[in-house]
Protein backbone atom coordinates (compact mmCIF):
# COMPACT_ATOMS: atom_id res chain seq x y z
CA MET A 1 0.00 0.00 0.00
CA THR A 2 1.58 3.30 -1.12
CA SER A 3 -1.30 5.79 -0.88
CA GLY A 4 -1.43 7.99 2.20
CA VAL A 5 2.21 7.48 3.18
CA PRO A 6 3.44 10.67 4.92
CA SER A 7 6.02 12.65 2.96
CA LEU A 8 8.47 12.41 5.86
CA ASP A 9 8.30 8.61 5.67
CA VAL A 10 9.04 8.81 1.95
CA ASP A 11 12.01 11.08 2.70
CA PHE A 12 13.38 8.23 4.84
CA GLY A 13 12.83 5.67 2.06
CA ILE A 14 9.76 4.19 3.81
CA ALA A 15 7.41 4.50 0.85
CA VAL A 16 4.88 1.70 1.48
CA TYR A 17 2.68 0.01 4.06
CA ALA A 18 2.45 -3.75 4.52
CA SER A 19 -1.29 -3.50 5.28
CA GLN A 20 -4.17 -2.05 3.29
CA THR A 21 -6.30 -1.18 6.32
CA HIS A 22 -7.43 2.14 7.71
CA GLY A 23 -5.46 3.21 10.75
CA ILE A 24 -6.76 4.28 14.13
CA GLY A 25 -4.85 7.56 14.00
CA GLY A 26 -3.94 8.96 17.39
CA ARG A 27 -0.89 10.25 19.21
CA ILE A 28 1.94 8.57 21.07
CA ARG A 29 4.32 10.01 23.71
CA VAL A 30 1.80 12.45 25.18
CA VAL A 31 3.80 11.73 28.34
CA PRO A 32 7.04 9.65 28.48
CA GLU A 33 5.25 6.88 30.37
CA ASP A 34 3.11 6.30 27.27
CA PHE A 35 6.14 4.74 25.56
CA ILE A 36 7.78 2.06 27.72
CA VAL A 37 10.75 0.05 26.47
CA GLU A 38 12.19 -2.86 28.45
CA GLU A 39 15.25 -4.70 27.21
CA VAL A 40 15.21 -8.51 26.95
CA LEU A 41 18.39 -10.61 26.87
CA ILE A 42 18.87 -13.95 25.11
CA ASP A 43 18.77 -15.76 28.47
CA GLY A 44 15.25 -14.40 28.99
CA SER A 45 16.10 -11.83 31.65
CA LYS A 46 14.30 -8.51 31.29
CA ALA A 47 15.25 -5.05 32.47
CA SER A 48 12.08 -3.81 34.17
CA VAL A 49 11.11 -0.18 34.65
CA ASN A 50 9.60 -1.22 37.99
CA ILE A 51 12.78 -2.54 39.59
CA THR A 52 13.73 -0.43 42.60
CA ASP A 53 16.21 -2.25 44.78
CA ILE A 54 18.15 -5.51 44.95
CA SER A 55 19.20 -6.05 48.56
CA ARG A 56 21.26 -9.10 47.68
CA LEU A 57 23.09 -9.46 44.38
CA SER A 58 22.35 -12.68 42.49
CA SER A 59 26.08 -13.43 42.10
CA ASN A 60 29.10 -12.28 44.07
CA PHE A 61 32.08 -12.52 41.72
CA GLY A 62 33.10 -11.03 38.40
CA ARG A 63 35.05 -8.24 36.76
CA TYR A 64 31.86 -6.36 35.89
CA ILE A 65 28.77 -5.37 37.79
CA ILE A 66 25.58 -5.68 35.74
CA CYS A 67 23.03 -2.96 36.43
CA VAL A 68 19.63 -1.92 35.16
CA LEU A 69 19.51 1.69 33.96
CA ILE A 70 15.99 3.13 34.13
CA LYS A 71 15.63 6.53 32.52
CA LYS A 72 12.92 8.94 31.40
CA GLY A 73 13.60 11.65 28.84
CA TRP A 74 17.31 10.85 28.65
CA ASP A 75 19.38 10.21 25.55
CA THR A 76 21.27 6.97 26.23
CA PHE A 77 24.75 8.41 25.68
CA ALA A 78 23.98 11.53 27.71
CA ALA A 79 22.88 9.30 30.60
CA LEU A 80 26.07 7.23 30.35
CA ARG A 81 28.22 10.39 30.36
CA ALA A 82 26.41 11.60 33.49
CA ILE A 83 27.04 8.24 35.18
CA THR A 84 30.75 8.25 34.35
CA ARG A 85 31.08 11.79 35.72
CA GLN A 86 29.48 10.82 39.01
CA LEU A 87 31.59 7.67 39.30
CA ASP A 88 34.69 9.55 38.08
CA ILE A 89 35.58 6.80 35.61
CA ASP A 90 36.44 6.62 31.92
CA GLU A 91 33.48 6.15 29.52
CA GLY A 92 35.11 2.99 28.19
CA ARG A 93 34.34 1.17 31.46
CA ILE A 94 30.59 1.22 30.75
CA SER A 95 29.04 -1.06 28.10
CA ILE A 96 25.51 -1.42 26.79
CA ALA A 97 23.62 -3.87 24.57
CA GLY A 98 21.56 -1.30 22.68
CA ILE A 99 20.48 2.35 22.47
CA LYS A 100 17.07 3.26 23.87
CA ASP A 101 14.67 6.01 22.84
CA ALA A 102 15.07 9.35 24.64
CA ARG A 103 11.38 10.27 24.47
CA ALA A 104 10.28 7.31 26.56
CA LEU A 105 10.50 5.49 29.87
CA THR A 106 13.13 2.80 29.29
CA ALA A 107 15.00 0.08 31.15
CA GLN A 108 18.20 -1.52 29.89
CA HIS A 109 21.21 -3.49 31.07
CA ILE A 110 24.58 -1.84 31.46
CA SER A 111 27.87 -3.23 32.74
CA ILE A 112 30.44 -1.25 34.68
CA GLY A 113 33.98 -2.50 35.13
CA GLY A 114 35.84 -2.37 38.43
CA ILE A 115 33.24 -0.69 40.59
CA SER A 116 31.41 -1.70 43.78
CA PRO A 117 27.63 -1.91 44.22
CA GLU A 118 27.92 0.59 47.06
CA LYS A 119 29.50 3.10 44.72
CA VAL A 120 26.77 2.52 42.11
CA ASN A 121 24.13 3.17 44.76
CA GLU A 122 25.61 6.64 45.28
CA ILE A 123 24.63 7.70 41.75
CA HIS A 124 21.89 10.35 41.83
CA LEU A 125 20.40 11.54 38.55
CA GLU A 126 17.15 13.37 37.85
CA ASN A 127 14.67 11.04 36.07
CA ALA A 128 17.16 8.16 36.01
CA VAL A 129 18.25 5.40 38.39
CA VAL A 130 20.96 2.75 38.23
CA VAL A 131 20.23 -0.51 40.09
CA PRO A 132 23.03 -3.09 40.53
CA ILE A 133 21.71 -6.66 40.07
CA ARG A 134 24.66 -9.07 39.67
CA PHE A 135 28.35 -9.52 38.96
CA SER A 136 29.63 -11.06 35.74
CA HIS A 137 32.89 -12.08 34.12
CA GLU A 138 31.53 -10.79 30.79
CA LYS A 139 30.48 -7.26 29.95
CA ILE A 140 27.14 -6.45 28.35
CA SER A 141 27.14 -6.29 24.54
CA SER A 142 24.73 -6.62 21.62
CA LYS A 143 25.66 -10.33 21.44
CA VAL A 144 23.54 -11.06 24.52
CA LEU A 145 20.57 -8.94 23.40
CA PHE A 146 17.39 -10.66 22.19
CA GLY A 147 15.21 -7.61 21.69
CA ASN A 148 12.88 -5.18 23.40
CA GLN A 149 9.44 -5.40 24.94
CA PHE A 150 7.23 -2.39 24.24
CA ASP A 151 4.21 -1.08 26.13
CA ILE A 152 2.78 1.86 24.18
CA LYS A 153 -0.32 3.92 24.75
CA VAL A 154 -2.01 5.60 21.78
CA ARG A 155 -4.27 8.54 22.64
CA ALA A 156 -6.48 10.86 20.56
CA ILE A 157 -8.00 7.95 18.65
CA GLU A 158 -9.97 9.11 15.62
CA CYS A 159 -12.67 6.43 15.61
CA SER A 160 -14.98 4.59 18.00
CA LYS A 161 -13.69 1.85 20.30
CA GLU A 162 -15.49 -0.83 18.26
CA GLU A 163 -14.06 0.48 15.00
CA ALA A 164 -10.57 0.76 16.50
CA LYS A 165 -10.72 -2.87 17.61
CA GLN A 166 -11.80 -3.99 14.15
CA ARG A 167 -9.07 -1.99 12.41
CA ILE A 168 -6.38 -3.32 14.75
CA ASP A 169 -7.53 -6.92 14.25
CA GLU A 170 -7.63 -6.54 10.46
CA THR A 171 -4.21 -4.90 10.38
CA LYS A 172 -2.66 -7.62 12.54
CA ASN A 173 -4.12 -10.32 10.26
CA GLU A 174 -2.69 -8.61 7.18
CA ILE A 175 0.71 -8.25 8.82
CA ASP A 176 0.76 -11.94 9.72
CA ALA A 177 -0.19 -12.87 6.16
CA PHE A 178 2.53 -10.53 4.85
CA GLY A 179 5.14 -12.43 6.84
CA GLY A 180 5.72 -9.84 9.53
CA ILE A 181 6.51 -6.15 9.59
CA PRO A 182 8.86 -4.85 6.86
CA ASN A 183 12.12 -4.40 8.74
CA PHE A 184 12.53 -0.74 7.86
CA PHE A 185 14.93 1.44 9.79
CA GLY A 186 12.62 3.66 11.82
CA HIS A 187 12.28 7.35 12.30
CA GLN A 188 14.75 7.63 15.19
CA ARG A 189 17.51 6.55 12.81
CA PHE A 190 17.12 9.73 10.78
CA GLY A 191 15.69 12.26 13.23
CA THR A 192 12.23 13.78 13.09
CA ILE A 193 12.92 17.18 14.67
CA ARG A 194 15.78 17.64 12.16
CA PRO A 195 15.30 14.83 9.60
CA PHE A 196 18.65 15.38 7.87
CA THR A 197 21.01 12.77 9.33
CA HIS A 198 20.97 10.60 6.20
CA LYS A 199 21.44 13.64 3.97
CA VAL A 200 24.57 14.59 5.87
CA GLY A 201 25.75 11.00 5.44
CA HIS A 202 25.02 11.08 1.71
CA TYR A 203 27.43 13.96 1.14
CA ILE A 204 30.06 12.49 3.45
CA VAL A 205 29.98 9.27 1.39
CA LYS A 206 30.33 11.34 -1.80
CA GLY A 207 33.32 13.16 -0.29
CA GLN A 208 31.51 16.50 -0.33
CA TYR A 209 32.34 17.52 3.22
CA GLU A 210 31.50 21.21 2.82
CA LYS A 211 27.98 20.34 1.65
CA ALA A 212 27.62 17.82 4.51
CA ALA A 213 28.75 20.41 7.06
CA THR A 214 26.43 23.04 5.60
CA ILE A 215 23.39 20.77 6.02
CA PHE A 216 24.36 19.72 9.55
CA LEU A 217 25.07 23.26 10.73
CA SER A 218 22.71 25.51 8.81
CA GLU A 219 19.74 23.53 7.49
CA PRO A 220 16.80 24.86 9.55
CA SER A 221 13.78 22.80 10.56
CA ILE A 222 10.28 24.03 11.31
CA TYR A 223 10.13 21.51 14.17
CA GLU A 224 13.24 22.79 15.96
CA HIS A 225 13.27 25.37 18.75
CA ARG A 226 13.01 28.82 17.17
CA ARG A 227 16.25 30.10 18.72
CA ALA A 228 18.20 27.24 17.16
CA SER A 229 16.56 27.57 13.75
CA ARG A 230 17.22 31.34 13.73
CA ALA A 231 20.91 30.70 14.44
CA ARG A 232 21.06 28.22 11.54
CA GLU A 233 19.31 30.68 9.22
CA ARG A 234 21.79 33.40 10.19
CA LEU A 235 24.71 31.07 9.41
CA ARG A 236 23.16 30.14 6.08
CA GLU A 237 22.72 33.80 5.14
CA THR A 238 26.13 35.07 6.25
CA GLY A 239 28.50 32.09 6.18
CA ASP A 240 30.30 33.78 9.09
CA TYR A 241 31.31 30.90 11.38
CA LYS A 242 32.97 33.04 14.04
CA ASN A 243 30.18 35.56 14.41
CA CYS A 244 27.37 32.98 14.27
CA LEU A 245 28.96 30.79 16.94
CA ARG A 246 27.65 33.11 19.67
CA PHE A 247 24.06 32.68 18.48
CA PHE A 248 24.04 28.87 18.65
CA PRO A 249 22.48 27.62 21.92
CA ARG A 250 24.97 25.89 24.21
CA ARG A 251 22.95 22.68 24.08
CA LEU A 252 23.99 22.32 20.42
CA VAL A 253 27.35 21.01 21.60
CA TYR A 254 28.49 19.34 18.39
CA GLU A 255 27.49 22.22 16.13
CA ARG A 256 29.42 24.61 18.36
CA ARG A 257 32.51 22.39 18.25
CA MET A 258 32.44 22.40 14.46
CA LEU A 259 31.81 26.14 14.29
CA LEU A 260 34.71 26.84 16.63
CA HIS A 261 37.02 24.85 14.36
CA LEU A 262 35.70 26.51 11.20
CA SER A 263 36.06 29.98 12.72
CA ARG A 264 39.81 29.24 12.89
CA TYR A 265 40.16 27.10 9.76
CA PRO A 266 37.29 28.13 7.44
CA ASN A 267 38.02 25.58 4.71
CA ASP A 268 38.87 22.55 6.85
CA PHE A 269 35.52 20.74 6.80
CA ILE A 270 37.07 17.33 7.42
CA GLY A 271 38.81 18.71 10.49
CA ALA A 272 35.51 20.21 11.62
CA PHE A 273 33.80 16.82 11.46
CA ARG A 274 36.68 15.35 13.43
CA ARG A 275 35.81 17.72 16.26
CA ILE A 276 32.70 15.62 16.95
CA PRO A 277 32.75 12.02 18.26
CA ARG A 278 33.59 9.26 15.83
CA THR A 279 30.35 7.48 16.80
CA LEU A 280 28.34 10.43 15.49
CA ARG A 281 30.32 10.59 12.25
CA VAL A 282 29.72 6.88 11.71
CA LEU A 283 26.06 7.42 12.55
CA PHE A 284 25.73 9.88 9.65
CA VAL A 285 27.13 7.30 7.23
CA GLN A 286 25.00 4.50 8.71
CA ALA A 287 21.88 6.67 8.42
CA TYR A 288 22.49 7.01 4.69
CA GLN A 289 23.15 3.27 4.47
CA SER A 290 19.82 2.73 6.28
CA TYR A 291 18.03 5.06 3.88
CA LEU A 292 19.26 2.99 0.93
CA PHE A 293 18.10 -0.22 2.64
CA ASN A 294 14.64 1.31 3.15
CA LYS A 295 14.53 2.29 -0.54
CA PHE A 296 15.53 -1.24 -1.59
CA LEU A 297 12.84 -2.79 0.61
CA SER A 298 10.11 -0.32 -0.41
CA GLU A 299 10.75 -0.94 -4.09
CA ARG A 300 10.72 -4.73 -3.62
CA ILE A 301 7.31 -4.48 -1.97
CA LYS A 302 6.02 -2.12 -4.67
CA ARG A 303 7.03 -4.62 -7.36
CA GLY A 304 5.24 -7.46 -5.60
CA LEU A 305 8.35 -9.53 -4.93
CA SER A 306 7.65 -11.86 -2.00
CA LEU A 307 9.32 -11.41 1.36
CA THR A 308 8.53 -14.98 2.40
CA GLU A 309 9.63 -16.82 -0.77
CA ALA A 310 13.10 -16.36 -2.23
CA HIS A 311 13.84 -15.51 -5.84
CA PRO A 312 17.06 -16.36 -7.67
CA GLY A 313 19.75 -13.87 -6.70
CA ASP A 314 18.21 -12.94 -3.33
CA PHE A 315 20.29 -12.99 -0.20
CA VAL A 316 19.13 -15.38 2.52
CA ILE A 317 20.49 -15.36 6.05
CA ASN A 318 20.73 -18.19 8.58
CA LEU A 319 18.65 -17.86 11.76
CA ASP A 320 19.57 -19.23 15.18
CA LYS A 321 17.23 -21.05 17.57
CA ASN A 322 15.80 -17.68 18.69
CA GLU A 323 15.08 -16.78 15.04
CA LEU A 324 17.75 -14.08 15.28
CA PRO A 325 19.99 -13.59 12.24
CA THR A 326 23.51 -15.01 12.32
CA ASN A 327 26.53 -13.84 10.33
CA ASN A 328 26.03 -16.56 7.70
CA PHE A 329 24.31 -15.63 4.46
CA LYS A 330 24.42 -16.48 0.77
CA ASN A 331 22.95 -15.71 -2.65
CA VAL A 332 20.20 -18.04 -3.83
CA GLU A 333 21.02 -20.06 -6.96
CA PRO A 334 18.16 -21.01 -9.35
CA ASP A 335 18.58 -24.76 -8.75
CA GLU A 336 18.13 -24.45 -4.96
CA ILE A 337 14.96 -22.35 -4.81
CA SER A 338 12.78 -25.21 -3.57
CA GLU A 339 15.23 -26.21 -0.84
CA ILE A 340 15.74 -22.61 0.27
CA ASN A 341 12.03 -21.86 0.47
CA GLU A 342 11.44 -24.96 2.57
CA ALA A 343 14.12 -23.72 4.99
CA ILE A 344 12.41 -20.31 5.07
CA LYS A 345 9.11 -22.01 6.02
CA ARG A 346 10.91 -23.83 8.84
CA LYS A 347 12.34 -20.47 9.96
CA ASN A 348 15.92 -21.67 9.50
CA LEU A 349 16.51 -19.02 6.84
CA ALA A 350 15.08 -15.59 6.06
CA ILE A 351 15.20 -13.29 3.06
CA ALA A 352 17.64 -10.43 3.58
CA LEU A 353 18.67 -7.27 1.77
CA PRO A 354 22.10 -5.66 1.72
CA LEU A 355 23.33 -2.82 3.89
CA ILE A 356 25.58 -1.35 1.24
CA GLY A 357 29.17 -0.74 2.32
CA TYR A 358 32.69 -0.96 0.97
CA ASN A 359 32.68 -4.71 1.65
CA GLN A 360 29.04 -5.42 0.75
CA GLY A 361 27.60 -5.19 -2.74
CA VAL A 362 24.14 -5.64 -4.19
CA SER A 363 21.94 -8.71 -4.60
CA ASN A 364 21.66 -10.59 -7.86
CA GLY A 365 18.55 -11.27 -9.95
CA ALA A 366 15.46 -9.07 -9.82
CA GLN A 367 16.32 -7.63 -6.41
CA GLY A 368 19.79 -6.74 -7.65
CA GLN A 369 18.26 -4.81 -10.55
CA ILE A 370 16.25 -2.76 -8.04
CA GLU A 371 19.32 -2.00 -5.96
CA ARG A 372 21.57 -1.10 -8.89
CA LYS A 373 18.95 1.30 -10.26
CA ILE A 374 18.63 3.08 -6.89
CA LEU A 375 22.41 3.32 -6.47
CA GLU A 376 22.69 4.70 -10.00
CA GLU A 377 20.07 7.35 -9.22
CA GLU A 378 22.00 8.23 -6.05
CA ASN A 379 25.30 8.21 -8.01
CA ILE A 380 26.82 5.97 -5.35
CA LEU A 381 29.01 2.86 -5.49
CA PRO A 382 29.62 0.43 -2.61
CA GLU A 383 33.30 1.36 -2.55
CA ASN A 384 32.33 4.98 -1.78
CA PHE A 385 31.56 3.85 1.78
CA TYR A 386 35.29 3.60 2.37
CA LEU A 387 36.10 7.22 3.21
CA LYS A 388 39.61 7.94 2.02
CA ASP A 389 39.71 11.28 3.83
CA MET A 390 38.10 9.94 7.02
CA PRO A 391 38.75 6.17 7.10
CA GLU A 392 37.78 5.85 10.77
CA ALA A 393 34.16 6.60 9.80
CA SER A 394 34.03 4.08 6.93
CA VAL A 395 31.27 1.45 6.89
CA ALA A 396 31.89 -2.09 5.66
CA GLY A 397 28.23 -3.04 5.20
CA GLY A 398 26.32 -6.24 5.83
CA ILE A 399 22.94 -7.92 5.56
CA ARG A 400 19.58 -7.24 7.26
CA LYS A 401 16.43 -9.35 7.42
CA ALA A 402 13.62 -8.10 5.21
CA THR A 403 10.84 -8.74 7.74
CA VAL A 404 10.57 -9.06 11.51
CA PRO A 405 7.91 -10.89 13.58
CA VAL A 406 5.70 -8.98 15.99
CA MET A 407 5.77 -11.23 19.05
CA ASN A 408 3.55 -11.40 22.14
CA PHE A 409 1.10 -8.93 20.60
CA ASN A 410 -1.60 -7.75 22.98
CA VAL A 411 -4.21 -4.97 22.81
CA THR A 412 -6.24 -3.41 25.61
CA PHE A 413 -8.50 -0.37 25.79
CA GLU A 414 -8.23 2.05 28.69
CA GLU A 415 -9.77 5.27 29.89
CA ASP A 416 -7.80 8.26 28.65
CA THR A 417 -6.92 10.13 31.80
CA HIS A 418 -5.55 13.02 29.77
CA ASN A 419 -8.96 13.45 28.10
CA ILE A 420 -7.59 14.09 24.63
CA SER A 421 -9.33 11.19 22.88
CA ARG A 422 -12.62 11.86 21.15
CA GLY A 423 -14.15 8.86 22.88
CA ASN A 424 -12.13 9.32 26.10
CA PHE A 425 -10.31 6.03 25.57
CA ALA A 426 -6.76 5.05 24.70
CA VAL A 427 -5.35 1.95 23.01
CA ARG A 428 -2.52 0.14 24.74
CA LEU A 429 -0.33 -1.98 22.46
CA ARG A 430 2.16 -4.45 23.91
CA PHE A 431 4.59 -6.42 21.76
CA THR A 432 8.16 -7.68 21.53
CA LEU A 433 10.60 -7.09 18.67
CA HIS A 434 14.00 -8.53 17.87
CA LYS A 435 17.00 -6.30 18.43
CA GLY A 436 17.61 -3.68 15.77
CA SER A 437 13.92 -3.38 14.85
CA TYR A 438 11.77 -0.32 15.48
CA ALA A 439 8.47 0.01 17.35
CA THR A 440 7.51 3.05 15.28
CA VAL A 441 7.58 0.89 12.15
CA VAL A 442 4.98 -1.35 13.82
CA LEU A 443 2.94 1.61 15.06
CA ARG A 444 2.74 3.27 11.64
CA GLU A 445 0.90 0.20 10.31
CA PHE A 446 -1.78 0.41 13.02
CA MET A 447 -2.05 4.19 13.22
CA LYS A 448 -1.48 5.24 9.57
CA PRO A 449 -0.52 8.76 10.78
CA ILE A 450 -0.96 11.74 8.48
CA ASP A 451 1.43 14.07 10.34
CA LEU A 452 4.27 12.10 11.94
CA ILE A 453 5.40 14.96 14.16
CA ASP A 454 1.92 15.68 15.51
CA ALA A 455 1.41 11.94 16.04
CA GLY A 456 4.51 11.82 18.27
CA PHE A 457 6.84 9.84 16.02
């Protein structure tokens, strides 16, 4: 389904829906508690937002102490920086399994090396708490992450309770028949307040660092705070880095670092990007990589190519016992279609699309034709993802599943205590997703929002 897709979705490469149903509309994140994210590890343990105190740790020995970080309204990395400052330790001593949404109430596992539980208990942060739960000889990493459990309340529903229930049921049935949710990279990957992250990455990959810096520093957004957008407009009009630096709010830390560098070295745009963390520079490139993946997947769906049956030339990836993707994948040869599709039915394999990088090229067959056409339109080659002028931000590429199951799906209807729903009710959606998949991609199928920003995405 392509009609009614918001223009901002299309800008992110998300040009289709998996379902043909009408959405319930509504708004998410009216308050942070409306969007609860709880991390689940492969061993089944869950980081709960309701944990308060562990009087006795479940194990007594290990190099690392495993904690649950519960936060509301915090960016993950900002919270970790605040923790390291209070503990007076290097940031490298804290590890996480995944990044959690800032506009939410979230719980996740973190590991801290060489610290006592008593010291952890001395941490005091506004709207965040760190609870030590056990020692471990291994630090937390994405390898132990299964996924995330979501508990999301949708308010301001645009139809009656009976109609909302029918629409949700019909949408869920269509998603199941489709083979799951298309595994698009969601809105957080690109930014909704300033939806330019992938555009910055595009010009970095092309080696056009001045253009990339110009977008990052001076492209205004109607959704941004007016003081910030005025500062960007001033920079765009004048090009005076030194003078405009004083107008940029102090919370725009990375923009100010780049402006300070450019005020001294006006033509050194690579040096300016190196004034911000490597993780952010890589994030720009990965956002563009994600945009291309979304385009590949959207076009496959538009052309009616199945996501549950392989075609010659498709990539397929091996799944482990938890149905999580492994590092093993291959191209499908014509003479093994039947065997491959049987393995897909058994959930031993899944169709995958490439994350283009300097070490990862396109598919073959019909899917490869789609990908080559998009790359040609973008004037991009896989080898461009090796950045000769900034090799530390290069991206090798890989493979990503085309669909993701929506597990443990549950719907309840509740009174809307904020009284913003037409019928004074809210819909509460609970579900679990594998790591790396986005709740907003699920929500867009059920809500079919017209204005993503107003809807809280």
